[in-house]
Amino acid sequence: MKRCVLILCGLAALFPGRDAPARPGTITWSDGRKVSGDLTLTTGKQLQLFTAGLPVELPLEECRQLRFTPEKEKMQEGFYFPTAGQATQAKTGDIYPVRYLRTQITLPDGKVLDGHLFTTVLYIQNDSGAQKAVLESKQTGTDGQTLRDVPYVSAIDFADAAGGESKLDLSREKVPDAQTPVVILKPDLSPVSLEAGAAPGTWSLPAPDPSRMFLSIQGSDGFHVAWPSVDAAPEIIAAVQTGLRNMHDFYDTRALLGTIAEDDSVYSLVLLSRAGTTYSMNAGTIPWSLVVLHWKYDSGANTVNLVNRASLGMGRTSAGGPLPPILKNAALLNDIRTSAAPAASPSSTP
């Protein structure tokens, strides 16, 4: 019996992804190398991502794209502990590169999960044969190598990814010194990753439904926010104001700038600030944050309960100075054009 178990384990090692569903896609490395083919994980495995300290498991078929960016890079000198049980270190003389990577996983609806990926092996099958790519959150090179000598997987794109795409063109908008826009999605206010287009003031984003978006662009004249010009009913606004007064967080001032209602979901645009004493920030400054708050509305009791929140921007201003102007402009969403979801394509060779 024991011998049979060993044989079966050996076969599983030879064909780790044979029962896992394959997806056509392309893997791109930081040195520019690309490989296309059918992508699979080890049978029974999923992607594991730590987001804000909470683990999330995702099957490969629920991912639209993955992006990997260096969070920290350094050249480290090797050391060891010559005496067991003591903290005294001795240097080995080795100098090697260390890189920490952050992962963003975009889902089909445009939602982005951001965190650190558990080490994962991705298998690639194409006309040239089979190979594998190791996805990890920390890379460690060897003595004498540089960071350039240790390429990392920078992107994974799936040819069969559904969900469509949007193009954001702000080239006609008058936003002085415009920064990269911030886009979040209803209902969970998750951020959407934007990629700069070839033309100045243009971006692409994997979110095909503008009605689900909140959009903000920071310029030297303040924040330009795509926000409806018509507010919610007075009783809903009153419930939100009560909810703001009952909030207990770092901020002590909450300016309600707009409220919209969609069935029992209510969204508020609020400028938070703290005029009181702070101990972790520079004296003489006022920290602030522009946020969207998502509430659930109880029409019978005329109350709201906070579900989640997302920031459109934050900073500090000098005490006694003005907070950043907030310029609401519903027409900003007219600058978004959507396209249909791409059709699935067969796997290709590198």
Protein backbone atom coordinates (compact mmCIF):
# COMPACT_ATOMS: atom_id res chain seq x y z
CA MET A 1 0.00 0.00 0.00
CA LYS A 2 2.78 2.40 0.91
CA ARG A 3 4.51 1.76 -2.44
CA CYS A 4 1.29 2.60 -4.36
CA VAL A 5 0.98 5.91 -2.51
CA LEU A 6 4.53 6.85 -3.45
CA ILE A 7 3.90 6.04 -7.11
CA LEU A 8 0.74 8.16 -7.18
CA CYS A 9 2.53 11.07 -5.55
CA GLY A 10 5.26 10.80 -8.13
CA LEU A 11 2.76 10.97 -10.99
CA ALA A 12 1.12 14.05 -9.44
CA ALA A 13 4.51 15.76 -9.30
CA LEU A 14 5.15 15.01 -12.98
CA PHE A 15 1.76 16.40 -14.06
CA PRO A 16 0.91 19.07 -11.42
CA GLY A 17 -1.74 20.91 -13.40
CA ARG A 18 -3.24 18.19 -15.58
CA ASP A 19 -6.70 18.35 -13.92
CA ALA A 20 -6.73 22.12 -13.35
CA PRO A 21 -8.67 24.28 -15.84
CA ALA A 22 -6.31 26.02 -18.29
CA ARG A 23 -6.67 29.63 -19.42
CA PRO A 24 -4.98 31.20 -22.44
CA GLY A 25 -2.86 34.12 -21.40
CA THR A 26 0.47 35.95 -21.49
CA ILE A 27 3.08 36.30 -18.75
CA THR A 28 5.39 39.34 -18.91
CA TRP A 29 8.65 39.63 -16.96
CA SER A 30 10.33 42.83 -15.81
CA ASP A 31 13.13 42.37 -18.36
CA GLY A 32 10.61 42.47 -21.22
CA ARG A 33 10.40 38.72 -21.86
CA LYS A 34 6.91 37.41 -22.69
CA VAL A 35 5.50 33.89 -22.91
CA SER A 36 1.98 33.01 -24.09
CA GLY A 37 0.16 29.74 -23.72
CA ASP A 38 -2.31 27.83 -21.55
CA LEU A 39 -1.88 28.81 -17.90
CA THR A 40 -2.72 26.55 -14.95
CA LEU A 41 -2.08 26.26 -11.25
CA THR A 42 -1.17 23.07 -9.42
CA THR A 43 -4.23 20.83 -9.13
CA GLY A 44 -6.35 21.82 -6.16
CA LYS A 45 -4.45 25.08 -5.58
CA GLN A 46 -5.76 28.65 -5.69
CA LEU A 47 -4.13 32.06 -5.55
CA GLN A 48 -3.73 33.20 -1.95
CA LEU A 49 -3.46 36.94 -1.35
CA PHE A 50 -3.00 38.74 1.95
CA THR A 51 -5.01 41.98 1.82
CA ALA A 52 -4.80 44.24 4.89
CA GLY A 53 -3.81 41.19 6.92
CA LEU A 54 -6.73 39.08 5.73
CA PRO A 55 -6.12 36.08 3.43
CA VAL A 56 -8.22 35.83 0.25
CA GLU A 57 -8.30 32.72 -1.95
CA LEU A 58 -9.10 33.03 -5.65
CA PRO A 59 -9.29 30.46 -8.44
CA LEU A 60 -7.41 31.44 -11.57
CA GLU A 61 -10.63 31.68 -13.59
CA GLU A 62 -11.88 34.58 -11.43
CA CYS A 63 -8.92 36.82 -12.32
CA ARG A 64 -8.89 39.27 -15.18
CA GLN A 65 -5.29 40.36 -14.82
CA LEU A 66 -2.45 40.40 -12.30
CA ARG A 67 0.13 43.14 -11.80
CA PHE A 68 3.29 42.90 -9.71
CA THR A 69 5.23 45.99 -8.59
CA PRO A 70 8.32 46.34 -6.39
CA GLU A 71 7.41 47.59 -2.93
CA LYS A 72 10.99 47.66 -1.66
CA GLU A 73 14.34 46.81 -3.25
CA LYS A 74 17.76 46.71 -1.60
CA MET A 75 21.22 45.16 -1.67
CA GLN A 76 21.69 43.24 1.57
CA GLU A 77 24.83 42.06 3.31
CA GLY A 78 24.70 38.46 4.51
CA PHE A 79 25.07 37.62 8.19
CA TYR A 80 24.77 34.72 10.61
CA PHE A 81 24.61 34.12 14.36
CA PRO A 82 27.90 32.54 15.47
CA THR A 83 26.63 31.74 18.97
CA ALA A 84 23.31 29.93 19.26
CA GLY A 85 20.77 31.73 21.41
CA GLN A 86 22.54 35.10 21.20
CA ALA A 87 21.60 38.10 19.04
CA THR A 88 25.18 38.96 18.08
CA GLN A 89 25.63 38.83 14.29
CA ALA A 90 28.67 38.12 12.16
CA LYS A 91 28.91 39.20 8.52
CA THR A 92 29.52 36.66 5.78
CA GLY A 93 30.84 39.11 3.20
CA ASP A 94 28.10 38.18 0.72
CA ILE A 95 26.17 41.00 -0.95
CA TYR A 96 22.93 39.99 -2.64
CA PRO A 97 19.72 41.64 -3.92
CA VAL A 98 16.38 41.47 -2.08
CA ARG A 99 13.07 42.58 -3.59
CA TYR A 100 9.60 42.73 -2.00
CA LEU A 101 6.69 42.62 -4.44
CA ARG A 102 3.12 43.82 -4.11
CA THR A 103 0.33 42.19 -6.14
CA GLN A 104 -2.81 43.69 -7.64
CA ILE A 105 -5.44 41.26 -8.91
CA THR A 106 -8.18 42.73 -11.09
CA LEU A 107 -11.49 40.86 -11.10
CA PRO A 108 -13.86 40.74 -14.11
CA ASP A 109 -16.03 43.57 -12.71
CA GLY A 110 -13.04 45.88 -12.37
CA LYS A 111 -12.59 45.44 -8.63
CA VAL A 112 -8.92 45.37 -7.59
CA LEU A 113 -7.52 43.32 -4.72
CA ASP A 114 -4.20 44.64 -3.43
CA GLY A 115 -1.81 42.74 -1.18
CA HIS A 116 0.99 40.18 -0.98
CA LEU A 117 0.78 36.87 -2.81
CA PHE A 118 1.71 33.56 -1.24
CA THR A 119 4.42 31.87 -3.32
CA THR A 120 2.61 30.26 -6.25
CA VAL A 121 3.79 28.21 -9.23
CA LEU A 122 2.07 28.95 -12.54
CA TYR A 123 2.47 26.41 -15.36
CA ILE A 124 2.62 27.42 -19.04
CA GLN A 125 1.93 25.00 -21.88
CA ASN A 126 2.38 25.95 -25.55
CA ASP A 127 3.87 24.60 -28.80
CA SER A 128 7.37 24.97 -27.37
CA GLY A 129 6.61 22.67 -24.46
CA ALA A 130 5.93 23.23 -20.76
CA GLN A 131 7.58 25.61 -18.34
CA LYS A 132 6.73 27.30 -15.09
CA ALA A 133 6.79 30.78 -13.57
CA VAL A 134 7.20 31.29 -9.83
CA LEU A 135 5.08 34.10 -8.37
CA GLU A 136 6.31 35.33 -5.01
CA SER A 137 6.19 38.32 -2.71
CA LYS A 138 9.91 38.24 -1.84
CA GLN A 139 12.87 37.56 -4.12
CA THR A 140 16.38 36.89 -2.87
CA GLY A 141 19.32 36.74 -5.25
CA THR A 142 22.79 35.30 -4.77
CA ASP A 143 26.15 36.84 -3.94
CA GLY A 144 27.41 39.04 -6.76
CA GLN A 145 24.03 39.51 -8.43
CA THR A 146 22.34 42.89 -8.83
CA LEU A 147 18.64 43.68 -8.81
CA ARG A 148 18.73 43.74 -12.61
CA ASP A 149 19.98 40.16 -12.59
CA VAL A 150 16.83 38.96 -10.82
CA PRO A 151 13.82 39.61 -13.12
CA TYR A 152 10.32 39.17 -11.75
CA VAL A 153 6.92 38.49 -13.27
CA SER A 154 5.44 41.95 -13.77
CA ALA A 155 2.10 41.14 -15.44
CA ILE A 156 -0.26 38.31 -16.31
CA ASP A 157 -3.03 38.95 -18.84
CA PHE A 158 -5.70 36.45 -19.81
CA ALA A 159 -6.90 36.27 -23.40
CA ASP A 160 -10.35 35.05 -22.35
CA ALA A 161 -10.89 37.77 -19.72
CA ALA A 162 -14.43 39.14 -19.90
CA GLY A 163 -15.90 42.35 -18.64
CA GLY A 164 -15.07 44.91 -21.32
CA GLU A 165 -12.93 47.97 -20.97
CA SER A 166 -13.33 51.72 -20.57
CA LYS A 167 -11.30 54.59 -21.95
CA LEU A 168 -11.02 57.78 -19.92
CA ASP A 169 -10.15 60.90 -21.94
CA LEU A 170 -9.63 64.06 -19.89
CA SER A 171 -7.64 65.89 -22.54
CA ARG A 172 -10.52 68.34 -23.07
CA GLU A 173 -11.06 69.00 -19.36
CA LYS A 174 -9.51 72.08 -17.78
CA VAL A 175 -7.85 70.56 -14.73
CA PRO A 176 -4.57 72.39 -14.11
CA ASP A 177 -1.65 70.13 -13.18
CA ALA A 178 -3.96 67.12 -13.19
CA GLN A 179 -2.74 64.04 -11.35
CA THR A 180 -3.67 60.44 -12.17
CA PRO A 181 -7.43 60.03 -11.59
CA VAL A 182 -8.83 57.91 -8.78
CA VAL A 183 -11.71 55.56 -9.70
CA ILE A 184 -13.69 53.46 -7.21
CA LEU A 185 -16.64 51.18 -7.87
CA LYS A 186 -20.02 50.70 -6.22
CA PRO A 187 -21.10 49.01 -4.07
CA ASP A 188 -17.96 48.04 -2.12
CA LEU A 189 -15.96 51.14 -3.18
CA SER A 190 -13.06 49.03 -4.42
CA PRO A 191 -10.30 50.86 -6.37
CA VAL A 192 -9.76 50.35 -10.10
CA SER A 193 -6.30 50.24 -11.64
CA LEU A 194 -5.69 52.71 -14.49
CA GLU A 195 -3.10 52.44 -17.24
CA ALA A 196 -1.90 55.60 -18.96
CA GLY A 197 -2.78 55.79 -22.65
CA ALA A 198 -0.52 56.85 -25.51
CA ALA A 199 -2.11 60.33 -25.67
CA PRO A 200 -1.68 62.75 -22.75
CA GLY A 201 -4.67 62.87 -20.43
CA THR A 202 -5.99 59.40 -21.40
CA TRP A 203 -6.23 56.16 -19.45
CA SER A 204 -7.72 52.70 -19.87
CA LEU A 205 -9.45 50.85 -17.05
CA PRO A 206 -11.07 47.41 -16.74
CA ALA A 207 -14.49 48.66 -15.63
CA PRO A 208 -17.16 48.68 -18.35
CA ASP A 209 -20.03 50.37 -16.48
CA PRO A 210 -19.59 54.12 -15.79
CA SER A 211 -22.77 54.16 -13.68
CA ARG A 212 -20.88 52.16 -11.04
CA MET A 213 -17.94 54.57 -10.88
CA PHE A 214 -16.92 57.43 -8.66
CA LEU A 215 -14.20 59.48 -10.35
CA SER A 216 -11.92 62.14 -8.90
CA ILE A 217 -9.02 64.13 -10.37
CA GLN A 218 -6.77 66.26 -8.20
CA GLY A 219 -5.50 69.48 -9.76
CA SER A 220 -3.74 72.56 -8.43
CA ASP A 221 -7.18 74.19 -8.09
CA GLY A 222 -8.66 71.38 -5.95
CA PHE A 223 -10.43 68.07 -6.47
CA HIS A 224 -12.70 67.60 -9.49
CA VAL A 225 -15.25 64.91 -8.58
CA ALA A 226 -17.80 63.29 -10.85
CA TRP A 227 -20.86 63.64 -8.63
CA PRO A 228 -24.56 63.99 -9.52
CA SER A 229 -25.99 67.51 -9.30
CA VAL A 230 -29.22 66.31 -7.66
CA ASP A 231 -29.08 65.31 -4.01
CA ALA A 232 -31.06 62.61 -2.23
CA ALA A 233 -34.34 63.34 -0.46
CA PRO A 234 -34.13 65.68 2.58
CA GLU A 235 -34.98 62.90 5.05
CA ILE A 236 -32.10 60.76 3.73
CA ILE A 237 -29.68 63.68 3.99
CA ALA A 238 -30.85 64.26 7.57
CA ALA A 239 -30.21 60.59 8.38
CA VAL A 240 -26.70 60.85 6.92
CA GLN A 241 -25.96 63.99 8.94
CA THR A 242 -26.97 62.12 12.08
CA GLY A 243 -24.76 59.22 11.03
CA LEU A 244 -21.80 61.59 10.59
CA ARG A 245 -22.32 63.06 14.06
CA ASN A 246 -22.28 59.56 15.53
CA MET A 247 -19.06 58.52 13.81
CA HIS A 248 -16.07 57.90 16.07
CA ASP A 249 -12.78 58.07 14.24
CA PHE A 250 -9.63 60.15 13.99
CA TYR A 251 -11.39 63.18 12.45
CA ASP A 252 -13.42 65.72 14.39
CA THR A 253 -14.91 67.73 11.49
CA ARG A 254 -17.09 66.21 8.76
CA ALA A 255 -18.37 68.40 5.91
CA LEU A 256 -21.16 66.72 3.93
CA LEU A 257 -20.75 67.73 0.27
CA GLY A 258 -23.28 65.51 -1.48
CA THR A 259 -25.56 62.50 -1.00
CA ILE A 260 -27.16 60.13 -3.51
CA ALA A 261 -29.54 57.23 -2.89
CA GLU A 262 -29.99 54.00 -4.87
CA ASP A 263 -32.69 51.88 -3.26
CA ASP A 264 -31.39 51.18 0.27
CA SER A 265 -27.79 52.11 -0.61
CA VAL A 266 -26.75 55.69 0.12
CA TYR A 267 -23.43 57.25 -0.90
CA SER A 268 -22.05 60.46 0.61
CA LEU A 269 -19.17 62.68 -0.44
CA VAL A 270 -17.53 63.99 2.74
CA LEU A 271 -14.47 66.10 3.51
CA LEU A 272 -13.03 64.93 6.82
CA SER A 273 -10.53 66.97 8.82
CA ARG A 274 -9.10 67.20 12.31
CA ALA A 275 -8.63 70.59 13.92
CA GLY A 276 -7.89 69.13 17.36
CA THR A 277 -4.51 68.13 18.77
CA THR A 278 -2.62 65.36 17.02
CA TYR A 279 0.44 63.57 18.33
CA SER A 280 1.59 61.66 15.26
CA MET A 281 1.66 64.55 12.78
CA ASN A 282 3.56 67.82 12.45
CA ALA A 283 2.36 70.53 14.81
CA GLY A 284 0.50 73.39 13.18
CA THR A 285 -1.10 71.24 10.46
CA ILE A 286 -4.64 69.99 9.86
CA PRO A 287 -4.93 66.48 8.36
CA TRP A 288 -7.83 65.96 5.95
CA SER A 289 -9.31 63.22 3.78
CA LEU A 290 -11.86 63.35 0.96
CA VAL A 291 -13.95 60.17 1.17
CA VAL A 292 -17.00 58.43 -0.21
CA LEU A 293 -19.10 56.75 2.49
CA HIS A 294 -21.47 53.90 1.67
CA TRP A 295 -24.45 53.57 4.02
CA LYS A 296 -27.42 51.22 4.26
CA TYR A 297 -30.65 53.17 4.71
CA ASP A 298 -33.55 52.00 6.90
CA SER A 299 -36.53 53.95 5.60
CA GLY A 300 -38.79 52.81 8.47
CA ALA A 301 -36.48 54.13 11.17
CA ASN A 302 -34.98 56.84 8.92
CA THR A 303 -31.45 55.83 9.94
CA VAL A 304 -28.26 54.86 8.16
CA ASN A 305 -25.55 52.35 9.03
CA LEU A 306 -22.04 52.73 7.60
CA VAL A 307 -21.05 49.81 5.35
CA ASN A 308 -17.68 50.87 3.95
CA ARG A 309 -15.64 53.87 2.87
CA ALA A 310 -12.96 54.80 0.36
CA SER A 311 -10.59 57.74 0.05
CA LEU A 312 -10.35 59.95 -3.04
CA GLY A 313 -7.42 61.91 -1.61
CA MET A 314 -5.80 63.00 1.62
CA GLY A 315 -3.21 65.41 2.91
CA ARG A 316 -2.40 68.14 5.42
CA THR A 317 -2.86 71.88 5.36
CA SER A 318 -1.39 74.52 7.65
CA ALA A 319 -3.47 75.47 10.69
CA GLY A 320 -5.70 78.37 9.80
CA GLY A 321 -5.27 77.70 6.10
CA PRO A 322 -8.02 76.62 3.71
CA LEU A 323 -8.93 73.01 3.03
CA PRO A 324 -8.74 71.92 -0.63
CA PRO A 325 -11.67 73.07 -2.80
CA ILE A 326 -14.02 70.28 -3.94
CA LEU A 327 -15.45 70.90 -7.42
CA LYS A 328 -18.38 68.60 -8.25
CA ASN A 329 -18.94 67.99 -11.94
CA ALA A 330 -21.39 65.28 -13.05
CA ALA A 331 -20.28 65.67 -16.68
CA LEU A 332 -16.87 64.12 -15.97
CA LEU A 333 -18.36 60.66 -16.49
CA ASN A 334 -19.15 61.69 -20.07
CA ASP A 335 -15.41 61.44 -20.73
CA ILE A 336 -15.57 57.66 -20.30
CA ARG A 337 -16.17 55.46 -23.35
CA THR A 338 -16.77 51.75 -22.98
CA SER A 339 -15.98 48.85 -25.29
CA ALA A 340 -17.35 45.32 -25.41
CA ALA A 341 -15.63 42.42 -23.73
CA PRO A 342 -12.95 40.85 -25.93
CA ALA A 343 -13.67 37.49 -27.48
CA ALA A 344 -11.68 34.53 -26.27
CA SER A 345 -8.63 33.75 -28.35
CA PRO A 346 -6.62 30.52 -28.68
CA SER A 347 -3.33 30.12 -26.92
CA SER A 348 -0.27 31.33 -28.77
CA THR A 349 3.42 30.60 -28.79
CA PRO A 350 6.02 32.99 -27.41
